[in-house]
PDB file of N, CA and C in Angstrom:
ATOM      1  N   UNK A   1      11.762   8.898  -6.447  1.00  0.00           N
ATOM      2  CA  UNK A   1      11.609   7.948  -5.363  1.00  0.00           C
ATOM      3  C   UNK A   1      12.519   8.375  -4.226  1.00  0.00           C
ATOM      4  N   UNK A   2      11.987   8.294  -3.018  1.00  0.00           N
ATOM      5  CA  UNK A   2      12.770   8.695  -1.856  1.00  0.00           C
ATOM      6  C   UNK A   2      13.746   7.590  -1.456  1.00  0.00           C
ATOM      7  N   UNK A   3      14.656   7.948  -0.565  1.00  0.00           N
ATOM      8  CA  UNK A   3      15.541   6.947   0.012  1.00  0.00           C
ATOM      9  C   UNK A   3      14.729   6.045   0.924  1.00  0.00           C
ATOM     10  N   UNK A   4      15.313   4.907   1.294  1.00  0.00           N
ATOM     11  CA  UNK A   4      14.622   3.980   2.188  1.00  0.00           C
ATOM     12  C   UNK A   4      14.316   4.642   3.526  1.00  0.00           C
ATOM     13  N   UNK A   5      13.112   4.356   4.009  1.00  0.00           N
ATOM     14  CA  UNK A   5      12.647   4.862   5.298  1.00  0.00           C
ATOM     15  C   UNK A   5      12.456   3.649   6.201  1.00  0.00           C
ATOM     16  N   UNK A   6      12.950   3.727   7.432  1.00  0.00           N
ATOM     17  CA  UNK A   6      12.827   2.629   8.395  1.00  0.00           C
ATOM     18  C   UNK A   6      11.946   3.082   9.550  1.00  0.00           C
ATOM     19  N   UNK A   7      10.816   2.416   9.736  1.00  0.00           N
ATOM     20  CA  UNK A   7       9.918   2.724  10.851  1.00  0.00           C
ATOM     21  C   UNK A   7       9.426   1.413  11.436  1.00  0.00           C
ATOM     22  N   UNK A   8       9.709   1.188  12.718  1.00  0.00           N
ATOM     23  CA  UNK A   8       9.241   0.010  13.454  1.00  0.00           C
ATOM     24  C   UNK A   8       9.494  -1.292  12.687  1.00  0.00           C
ATOM     25  N   UNK A   9      10.672  -1.395  12.103  1.00  0.00           N
ATOM     26  CA  UNK A   9      11.057  -2.607  11.390  1.00  0.00           C
ATOM     27  C   UNK A   9      10.696  -2.621   9.918  1.00  0.00           C
ATOM     28  N   UNK A  10       9.764  -1.798   9.492  1.00  0.00           N
ATOM     29  CA  UNK A  10       9.389  -1.750   8.079  1.00  0.00           C
ATOM     30  C   UNK A  10      10.394  -0.910   7.306  1.00  0.00           C
ATOM     31  N   UNK A  11      10.739  -1.382   6.124  1.00  0.00           N
ATOM     32  CA  UNK A  11      11.601  -0.632   5.227  1.00  0.00           C
ATOM     33  C   UNK A  11      10.778  -0.342   3.979  1.00  0.00           C
ATOM     34  N   UNK A  12      10.624   0.937   3.680  1.00  0.00           N
ATOM     35  CA  UNK A  12       9.820   1.334   2.525  1.00  0.00           C
ATOM     36  C   UNK A  12      10.370   2.622   1.943  1.00  0.00           C
ATOM     37  N   UNK A  13       9.911   2.952   0.756  1.00  0.00           N
ATOM     38  CA  UNK A  13      10.210   4.241   0.169  1.00  0.00           C
ATOM     39  C   UNK A  13       8.920   4.805  -0.405  1.00  0.00           C
ATOM     40  N   UNK A  14       8.947   6.066  -0.752  1.00  0.00           N
ATOM     41  CA  UNK A  14       7.774   6.749  -1.264  1.00  0.00           C
ATOM     42  C   UNK A  14       8.053   7.179  -2.692  1.00  0.00           C
ATOM     43  N   UNK A  15       7.057   6.988  -3.537  1.00  0.00           N
ATOM     44  CA  UNK A  15       7.154   7.344  -4.945  1.00  0.00           C
ATOM     45  C   UNK A  15       5.932   8.177  -5.308  1.00  0.00           C
ATOM     46  N   UNK A  16       6.056   8.996  -6.319  1.00  0.00           N
ATOM     47  CA  UNK A  16       4.938   9.793  -6.817  1.00  0.00           C
ATOM     48  C   UNK A  16       4.787   9.499  -8.303  1.00  0.00           C
ATOM     49  N   UNK A  17       3.556   9.196  -8.719  1.00  0.00           N
ATOM     50  CA  UNK A  17       3.293   8.941 -10.137  1.00  0.00           C
ATOM     51  C   UNK A  17       2.277   9.955 -10.642  1.00  0.00           C
ATOM     52  N   UNK A  18       2.453  10.341 -11.904  1.00  0.00           N
ATOM     53  CA  UNK A  18       1.530  11.290 -12.500  1.00  0.00           C
ATOM     54  C   UNK A  18       0.348  10.545 -13.103  1.00  0.00           C
ATOM     55  N   UNK A  19      -0.843  11.004 -12.781  1.00  0.00           N
ATOM     56  CA  UNK A  19      -2.073  10.433 -13.308  1.00  0.00           C
ATOM     57  C   UNK A  19      -2.571  11.335 -14.436  1.00  0.00           C
ATOM     58  N   UNK A  20      -3.757  11.072 -14.918  1.00  0.00           N
ATOM     59  CA  UNK A  20      -4.353  11.893 -15.969  1.00  0.00           C
ATOM     60  C   UNK A  20      -4.537  13.336 -15.512  1.00  0.00           C
ATOM     61  N   UNK A  21      -4.536  14.239 -16.465  1.00  0.00           N
ATOM     62  CA  UNK A  21      -4.826  15.656 -16.232  1.00  0.00           C
ATOM     63  C   UNK A  21      -3.854  16.330 -15.273  1.00  0.00           C
ATOM     64  N   UNK A  22      -2.607  15.877 -15.226  1.00  0.00           N
ATOM     65  CA  UNK A  22      -1.603  16.537 -14.410  1.00  0.00           C
ATOM     66  C   UNK A  22      -1.766  16.359 -12.913  1.00  0.00           C
ATOM     67  N   UNK A  23      -2.484  15.363 -12.481  1.00  0.00           N
ATOM     68  CA  UNK A  23      -2.649  15.084 -11.048  1.00  0.00           C
ATOM     69  C   UNK A  23      -1.629  14.037 -10.629  1.00  0.00           C
ATOM     70  N   UNK A  24      -1.277  14.057  -9.354  1.00  0.00           N
ATOM     71  CA  UNK A  24      -0.266  13.149  -8.833  1.00  0.00           C
ATOM     72  C   UNK A  24      -0.858  12.280  -7.733  1.00  0.00           C
ATOM     73  N   UNK A  25      -0.381  11.031  -7.669  1.00  0.00           N
ATOM     74  CA  UNK A  25      -0.791  10.083  -6.631  1.00  0.00           C
ATOM     75  C   UNK A  25       0.480   9.562  -5.962  1.00  0.00           C
ATOM     76  N   UNK A  26       0.437   9.471  -4.641  1.00  0.00           N
ATOM     77  CA  UNK A  26       1.561   8.937  -3.897  1.00  0.00           C
ATOM     78  C   UNK A  26       1.501   7.427  -3.831  1.00  0.00           C
ATOM     79  N   UNK A  27       2.658   6.807  -3.734  1.00  0.00           N
ATOM     80  CA  UNK A  27       2.764   5.358  -3.588  1.00  0.00           C
ATOM     81  C   UNK A  27       3.736   5.036  -2.471  1.00  0.00           C
ATOM     82  N   UNK A  28       3.401   4.002  -1.714  1.00  0.00           N
ATOM     83  CA  UNK A  28       4.298   3.463  -0.695  1.00  0.00           C
ATOM     84  C   UNK A  28       4.804   2.140  -1.248  1.00  0.00           C
ATOM     85  N   UNK A  29       6.102   1.953  -1.318  1.00  0.00           N
ATOM     86  CA  UNK A  29       6.691   0.708  -1.800  1.00  0.00           C
ATOM     87  C   UNK A  29       7.352   0.012  -0.614  1.00  0.00           C
ATOM     88  N   UNK A  30       6.667  -0.995  -0.064  1.00  0.00           N
ATOM     89  CA  UNK A  30       7.164  -1.709   1.110  1.00  0.00           C
ATOM     90  C   UNK A  30       8.146  -2.773   0.633  1.00  0.00           C
ATOM     91  N   UNK A  31       9.385  -2.687   1.138  1.00  0.00           N
ATOM     92  CA  UNK A  31      10.452  -3.584   0.685  1.00  0.00           C
ATOM     93  C   UNK A  31      10.693  -4.755   1.634  1.00  0.00           C
ATOM     94  N   UNK A  32      10.598  -4.505   2.935  1.00  0.00           N
ATOM     95  CA  UNK A  32      10.863  -5.594   3.878  1.00  0.00           C
ATOM     96  C   UNK A  32      10.371  -5.230   5.271  1.00  0.00           C
ATOM     97  N   UNK A  33      10.369  -6.261   6.104  1.00  0.00           N
ATOM     98  CA  UNK A  33      10.111  -6.071   7.523  1.00  0.00           C
ATOM     99  C   UNK A  33      11.280  -6.722   8.246  1.00  0.00           C
ATOM    100  N   UNK A  34      12.164  -5.914   8.750  1.00  0.00           N
ATOM    101  CA  UNK A  34      13.425  -6.399   9.322  1.00  0.00           C
ATOM    102  C   UNK A  34      13.229  -7.279  10.541  1.00  0.00           C
ATOM    103  N   UNK A  35      12.246  -6.986  11.398  1.00  0.00           N
ATOM    104  CA  UNK A  35      12.073  -7.759  12.621  1.00  0.00           C
ATOM    105  C   UNK A  35      11.633  -9.188  12.336  1.00  0.00           C
ATOM    106  N   UNK A  36      10.799  -9.370  11.325  1.00  0.00           N
ATOM    107  CA  UNK A  36      10.317 -10.717  10.996  1.00  0.00           C
ATOM    108  C   UNK A  36      11.191 -11.389   9.941  1.00  0.00           C
ATOM    109  N   UNK A  37      12.063 -10.636   9.300  1.00  0.00           N
ATOM    110  CA  UNK A  37      12.930 -11.206   8.274  1.00  0.00           C
ATOM    111  C   UNK A  37      12.274 -11.354   6.916  1.00  0.00           C
ATOM    112  N   UNK A  38      11.062 -10.832   6.761  1.00  0.00           N
ATOM    113  CA  UNK A  38      10.379 -10.934   5.466  1.00  0.00           C
ATOM    114  C   UNK A  38      10.876  -9.843   4.534  1.00  0.00           C
ATOM    115  N   UNK A  39      11.036 -10.204   3.261  1.00  0.00           N
ATOM    116  CA  UNK A  39      11.340  -9.197   2.242  1.00  0.00           C
ATOM    117  C   UNK A  39      10.358  -9.389   1.099  1.00  0.00           C
ATOM    118  N   UNK A  40      10.077  -8.321   0.402  1.00  0.00           N
ATOM    119  CA  UNK A  40       9.079  -8.327  -0.657  1.00  0.00           C
ATOM    120  C   UNK A  40       9.742  -7.921  -1.966  1.00  0.00           C
ATOM    121  N   UNK A  41       9.835  -8.864  -2.863  1.00  0.00           N
ATOM    122  CA  UNK A  41      10.438  -8.614  -4.176  1.00  0.00           C
ATOM    123  C   UNK A  41       9.489  -9.118  -5.239  1.00  0.00           C
ATOM    124  N   UNK A  42       8.870  -8.323  -6.013  1.00  0.00           N
ATOM    125  CA  UNK A  42       8.949  -6.860  -6.041  1.00  0.00           C
ATOM    126  C   UNK A  42       8.280  -6.257  -4.804  1.00  0.00           C
ATOM    127  N   UNK A  43       8.562  -4.992  -4.523  1.00  0.00           N
ATOM    128  CA  UNK A  43       7.964  -4.361  -3.346  1.00  0.00           C
ATOM    129  C   UNK A  43       6.437  -4.342  -3.431  1.00  0.00           C
ATOM    130  N   UNK A  44       5.801  -4.369  -2.265  1.00  0.00           N
ATOM    131  CA  UNK A  44       4.344  -4.243  -2.189  1.00  0.00           C
ATOM    132  C   UNK A  44       4.008  -2.764  -2.374  1.00  0.00           C
ATOM    133  N   UNK A  45       3.130  -2.458  -3.326  1.00  0.00           N
ATOM    134  CA  UNK A  45       2.771  -1.072  -3.631  1.00  0.00           C
ATOM    135  C   UNK A  45       1.416  -0.757  -3.013  1.00  0.00           C
ATOM    136  N   UNK A  46       1.385   0.303  -2.225  1.00  0.00           N
ATOM    137  CA  UNK A  46       0.149   0.802  -1.637  1.00  0.00           C
ATOM    138  C   UNK A  46      -0.013   2.239  -2.123  1.00  0.00           C
ATOM    139  N   UNK A  47      -1.109   2.511  -2.834  1.00  0.00           N
ATOM    140  CA  UNK A  47      -1.336   3.851  -3.369  1.00  0.00           C
ATOM    141  C   UNK A  47      -2.202   4.681  -2.425  1.00  0.00           C
ATOM    142  N   UNK A  48      -1.970   5.968  -2.431  1.00  0.00           N
ATOM    143  CA  UNK A  48      -2.818   6.864  -1.658  1.00  0.00           C
ATOM    144  C   UNK A  48      -4.158   7.005  -2.376  1.00  0.00           C
ATOM    145  N   UNK A  49      -5.232   7.194  -1.628  1.00  0.00           N
ATOM    146  CA  UNK A  49      -6.543   7.291  -2.272  1.00  0.00           C
ATOM    147  C   UNK A  49      -6.776   8.612  -3.001  1.00  0.00           C
ATOM    148  N   UNK A  50      -6.086   9.663  -2.634  1.00  0.00           N
ATOM    149  CA  UNK A  50      -6.348  10.985  -3.193  1.00  0.00           C
ATOM    150  C   UNK A  50      -5.369  11.342  -4.301  1.00  0.00           C
ATOM    151  N   UNK A  51      -5.817  12.214  -5.194  1.00  0.00           N
ATOM    152  CA  UNK A  51      -4.970  12.802  -6.228  1.00  0.00           C
ATOM    153  C   UNK A  51      -4.695  14.250  -5.842  1.00  0.00           C
ATOM    154  N   UNK A  52      -3.510  14.740  -6.218  1.00  0.00           N
ATOM    155  CA  UNK A  52      -3.109  16.095  -5.854  1.00  0.00           C
ATOM    156  C   UNK A  52      -2.602  16.851  -7.072  1.00  0.00           C
ATOM    157  N   UNK A  53      -2.705  18.168  -7.005  1.00  0.00           N
ATOM    158  CA  UNK A  53      -2.212  19.012  -8.089  1.00  0.00           C
ATOM    159  C   UNK A  53      -0.693  19.138  -8.049  1.00  0.00           C
ATOM    160  N   UNK A  54      -0.134  18.957  -6.872  1.00  0.00           N
ATOM    161  CA  UNK A  54       1.312  19.130  -6.712  1.00  0.00           C
ATOM    162  C   UNK A  54       1.973  17.811  -6.319  1.00  0.00           C
ATOM    163  N   UNK A  55       3.117  17.571  -6.895  1.00  0.00           N
ATOM    164  CA  UNK A  55       3.881  16.352  -6.621  1.00  0.00           C
ATOM    165  C   UNK A  55       4.264  16.262  -5.148  1.00  0.00           C
ATOM    166  N   UNK A  56       4.648  17.384  -4.575  1.00  0.00           N
ATOM    167  CA  UNK A  56       5.077  17.404  -3.176  1.00  0.00           C
ATOM    168  C   UNK A  56       3.928  17.025  -2.241  1.00  0.00           C
ATOM    169  N   UNK A  57       2.719  17.461  -2.542  1.00  0.00           N
ATOM    170  CA  UNK A  57       1.564  17.114  -1.708  1.00  0.00           C
ATOM    171  C   UNK A  57       1.301  15.614  -1.741  1.00  0.00           C
ATOM    172  N   UNK A  58       1.464  14.995  -2.914  1.00  0.00           N
ATOM    173  CA  UNK A  58       1.270  13.546  -3.026  1.00  0.00           C
ATOM    174  C   UNK A  58       2.316  12.793  -2.214  1.00  0.00           C
ATOM    175  N   UNK A  59       3.536  13.299  -2.189  1.00  0.00           N
ATOM    176  CA  UNK A  59       4.590  12.665  -1.401  1.00  0.00           C
ATOM    177  C   UNK A  59       4.298  12.776   0.095  1.00  0.00           C
ATOM    178  N   UNK A  60       3.850  13.941   0.528  1.00  0.00           N
ATOM    179  CA  UNK A  60       3.510  14.127   1.943  1.00  0.00           C
ATOM    180  C   UNK A  60       2.383  13.181   2.340  1.00  0.00           C
ATOM    181  N   UNK A  61       1.368  13.053   1.479  1.00  0.00           N
ATOM    182  CA  UNK A  61       0.238  12.159   1.765  1.00  0.00           C
ATOM    183  C   UNK A  61       0.715  10.707   1.890  1.00  0.00           C
ATOM    184  N   UNK A  62       1.604  10.284   1.004  1.00  0.00           N
ATOM    185  CA  UNK A  62       2.108   8.909   1.044  1.00  0.00           C
ATOM    186  C   UNK A  62       2.905   8.658   2.324  1.00  0.00           C
ATOM    187  N   UNK A  63       3.721   9.608   2.726  1.00  0.00           N
ATOM    188  CA  UNK A  63       4.482   9.462   3.965  1.00  0.00           C
ATOM    189  C   UNK A  63       3.562   9.373   5.181  1.00  0.00           C
ATOM    190  N   UNK A  64       2.540  10.215   5.197  1.00  0.00           N
ATOM    191  CA  UNK A  64       1.592  10.209   6.318  1.00  0.00           C
ATOM    192  C   UNK A  64       0.792   8.908   6.354  1.00  0.00           C
ATOM    193  N   UNK A  65       0.358   8.432   5.186  1.00  0.00           N
ATOM    194  CA  UNK A  65      -0.400   7.181   5.128  1.00  0.00           C
ATOM    195  C   UNK A  65       0.460   6.009   5.595  1.00  0.00           C
ATOM    196  N   UNK A  66       1.704   5.960   5.184  1.00  0.00           N
ATOM    197  CA  UNK A  66       2.597   4.877   5.610  1.00  0.00           C
ATOM    198  C   UNK A  66       2.732   4.861   7.128  1.00  0.00           C
ATOM    199  N   UNK A  67       2.942   6.015   7.700  1.00  0.00           N
ATOM    200  CA  UNK A  67       3.106   6.088   9.160  1.00  0.00           C
ATOM    201  C   UNK A  67       1.822   5.690   9.881  1.00  0.00           C
ATOM    202  N   UNK A  68       0.669   6.134   9.349  1.00  0.00           N
ATOM    203  CA  UNK A  68      -0.616   5.773   9.949  1.00  0.00           C
ATOM    204  C   UNK A  68      -0.858   4.266   9.883  1.00  0.00           C
ATOM    205  N   UNK A  69      -0.548   3.651   8.738  1.00  0.00           N
ATOM    206  CA  UNK A  69      -0.736   2.211   8.596  1.00  0.00           C
ATOM    207  C   UNK A  69       0.170   1.428   9.540  1.00  0.00           C
ATOM    208  N   UNK A  70       1.393   1.881   9.694  1.00  0.00           N
ATOM    209  CA  UNK A  70       2.339   1.196  10.580  1.00  0.00           C
ATOM    210  C   UNK A  70       1.925   1.366  12.035  1.00  0.00           C
ATOM    211  N   UNK A  71       1.631   2.591  12.444  1.00  0.00           N
ATOM    212  CA  UNK A  71       1.291   2.854  13.848  1.00  0.00           C
ATOM    213  C   UNK A  71      -0.004   2.170  14.278  1.00  0.00           C
ATOM    214  N   UNK A  72      -0.961   2.029  13.345  1.00  0.00           N
ATOM    215  CA  UNK A  72      -2.240   1.412  13.689  1.00  0.00           C
ATOM    216  C   UNK A  72      -2.215  -0.111  13.603  1.00  0.00           C
ATOM    217  N   UNK A  73      -1.151  -0.669  13.020  1.00  0.00           N
ATOM    218  CA  UNK A  73      -1.068  -2.115  12.842  1.00  0.00           C
ATOM    219  C   UNK A  73      -1.705  -2.598  11.551  1.00  0.00           C
ATOM    220  N   UNK A  74      -2.251  -1.689  10.774  1.00  0.00           N
ATOM    221  CA  UNK A  74      -2.920  -2.058   9.523  1.00  0.00           C
ATOM    222  C   UNK A  74      -1.931  -2.459   8.420  1.00  0.00           C
ATOM    223  N   UNK A  75      -0.675  -2.065   8.548  1.00  0.00           N
ATOM    224  CA  UNK A  75       0.309  -2.440   7.523  1.00  0.00           C
ATOM    225  C   UNK A  75       0.482  -3.955   7.491  1.00  0.00           C
ATOM    226  N   UNK A  76       0.524  -4.582   8.656  1.00  0.00           N
ATOM    227  CA  UNK A  76       0.662  -6.043   8.714  1.00  0.00           C
ATOM    228  C   UNK A  76      -0.473  -6.732   7.971  1.00  0.00           C
ATOM    229  N   UNK A  77      -1.696  -6.247   8.154  1.00  0.00           N
ATOM    230  CA  UNK A  77      -2.852  -6.848   7.486  1.00  0.00           C
ATOM    231  C   UNK A  77      -2.746  -6.718   5.975  1.00  0.00           C
ATOM    232  N   UNK A  78      -2.220  -5.609   5.491  1.00  0.00           N
ATOM    233  CA  UNK A  78      -2.084  -5.405   4.050  1.00  0.00           C
ATOM    234  C   UNK A  78      -0.989  -6.271   3.442  1.00  0.00           C
ATOM    235  N   UNK A  79      -0.061  -6.730   4.262  1.00  0.00           N
ATOM    236  CA  UNK A  79       1.058  -7.522   3.755  1.00  0.00           C
ATOM    237  C   UNK A  79       0.827  -9.020   3.859  1.00  0.00           C
ATOM    238  N   UNK A  80      -0.317  -9.425   4.389  1.00  0.00           N
ATOM    239  CA  UNK A  80      -0.626 -10.851   4.481  1.00  0.00           C
ATOM    240  C   UNK A  80      -0.892 -11.393   3.084  1.00  0.00           C
ATOM    241  N   UNK A  81      -0.441 -12.618   2.807  1.00  0.00           N
ATOM    242  CA  UNK A  81      -0.712 -13.188   1.493  1.00  0.00           C
ATOM    243  C   UNK A  81      -2.202 -13.448   1.315  1.00  0.00           C
ATOM    244  N   UNK A  82      -2.701 -13.341   0.088  1.00  0.00           N
ATOM    245  CA  UNK A  82      -4.128 -13.608  -0.136  1.00  0.00           C
ATOM    246  C   UNK A  82      -4.433 -15.072   0.129  1.00  0.00           C
ATOM    247  N   UNK A  83      -5.666 -15.385   0.548  1.00  0.00           N
ATOM    248  CA  UNK A  83      -6.010 -16.786   0.800  1.00  0.00           C
ATOM    249  C   UNK A  83      -5.967 -17.568  -0.509  1.00  0.00           C
ATOM    250  N   UNK A  84      -5.593 -18.844  -0.443  1.00  0.00           N
ATOM    251  CA  UNK A  84      -5.515 -19.637  -1.670  1.00  0.00           C
ATOM    252  C   UNK A  84      -6.894 -19.803  -2.300  1.00  0.00           C
ATOM    253  N   UNK A  85      -6.940 -19.928  -3.616  1.00  0.00           N
ATOM    254  CA  UNK A  85      -8.212 -20.134  -4.314  1.00  0.00           C
ATOM    255  C   UNK A  85      -8.827 -21.445  -3.880  1.00  0.00           C
ATOM    256  N   UNK A  86     -10.141 -21.452  -3.780  1.00  0.00           N
ATOM    257  CA  UNK A  86     -10.836 -22.673  -3.397  1.00  0.00           C
ATOM    258  C   UNK A  86     -10.979 -22.861  -1.909  1.00  0.00           C
ATOM    259  N   UNK A  87     -10.529 -21.878  -1.102  1.00  0.00           N
ATOM    260  CA  UNK A  87     -10.693 -22.048   0.338  1.00  0.00           C
ATOM    261  C   UNK A  87     -12.169 -21.878   0.687  1.00  0.00           C
ATOM    262  N   UNK A  88     -12.602 -22.524   1.719  1.00  0.00           N
ATOM    263  CA  UNK A  88     -14.005 -22.581   2.077  1.00  0.00           C
ATOM    264  C   UNK A  88     -14.591 -21.287   2.594  1.00  0.00           C
ATOM    265  N   UNK A  89     -13.772 -20.307   2.979  1.00  0.00           N
ATOM    266  CA  UNK A  89     -14.333 -19.109   3.576  1.00  0.00           C
ATOM    267  C   UNK A  89     -14.467 -17.950   2.596  1.00  0.00           C
ATOM    268  N   UNK A  90     -14.294 -18.187   1.323  1.00  0.00           N
ATOM    269  CA  UNK A  90     -14.454 -17.114   0.351  1.00  0.00           C
ATOM    270  C   UNK A  90     -15.908 -17.022  -0.072  1.00  0.00           C
ATOM    271  N   UNK A  91     -16.362 -15.809  -0.260  1.00  0.00           N
ATOM    272  CA  UNK A  91     -17.745 -15.605  -0.697  1.00  0.00           C
ATOM    273  C   UNK A  91     -17.865 -15.900  -2.195  1.00  0.00           C
ATOM    274  N   UNK A  92     -18.995 -16.433  -2.583  1.00  0.00           N
ATOM    275  CA  UNK A  92     -19.238 -16.700  -3.982  1.00  0.00           C
ATOM    276  C   UNK A  92     -19.681 -15.445  -4.703  1.00  0.00           C
ATOM    277  N   UNK A  93     -19.924 -15.557  -6.006  1.00  0.00           N
ATOM    278  CA  UNK A  93     -20.353 -14.395  -6.772  1.00  0.00           C
ATOM    279  C   UNK A  93     -21.745 -13.938  -6.331  1.00  0.00           C
ATOM    280  N   UNK A  94     -21.973 -12.660  -6.437  1.00  0.00           N
ATOM    281  CA  UNK A  94     -23.262 -12.091  -6.056  1.00  0.00           C
ATOM    282  C   UNK A  94     -24.107 -11.961  -7.307  1.00  0.00           C
ATOM    283  N   UNK A  95     -25.327 -12.437  -7.230  1.00  0.00           N
ATOM    284  CA  UNK A  95     -26.227 -12.370  -8.364  1.00  0.00           C
ATOM    285  C   UNK A  95     -27.258 -11.282  -8.130  1.00  0.00           C
ATOM    286  N   UNK A  96     -27.502 -10.486  -9.159  1.00  0.00           N
ATOM    287  CA  UNK A  96     -28.512  -9.454  -9.028  1.00  0.00           C
ATOM    288  C   UNK A  96     -29.831  -9.901  -9.640  1.00  0.00           C
ATOM    289  N   UNK A  97     -29.912 -11.153 -10.042  1.00  0.00           N
ATOM    290  CA  UNK A  97     -31.113 -11.680 -10.671  1.00  0.00           C
ATOM    291  C   UNK A  97     -32.181 -11.945  -9.627  1.00  0.00           C
ATOM    292  N   UNK A  98     -33.356 -11.402  -9.855  1.00  0.00           N
ATOM    293  CA  UNK A  98     -34.495 -11.675  -8.975  1.00  0.00           C
ATOM    294  C   UNK A  98     -35.672 -12.124  -9.819  1.00  0.00           C
ATOM    295  N   UNK A  99     -36.517 -12.926  -9.243  1.00  0.00           N
ATOM    296  CA  UNK A  99     -37.703 -13.392  -9.968  1.00  0.00           C
ATOM    297  C   UNK A  99     -38.953 -12.875  -9.338  1.00  0.00           C
TER     298      UNK A  99
END
């Protein structure tokens, strides 16, 4: 796990986990947002979509993804709490039954 990284108020670190068959996946562990005063315990984990043969490549991918999410504003959307169960705007189950 890397040391804490501070970008635009976000505090996070990068981790690499080994998957099946010797492949590696990067993880971003978001710990807090200093400007808003929010902290996340346990940290919010965001995994990279790709698997890599080398641990270092997975770490680079995780660092790049974190920066892209922060710069685009998408990190804030990922850190929003899920809507409460029973709210009126959730979609119901999809049925594949046809007659």
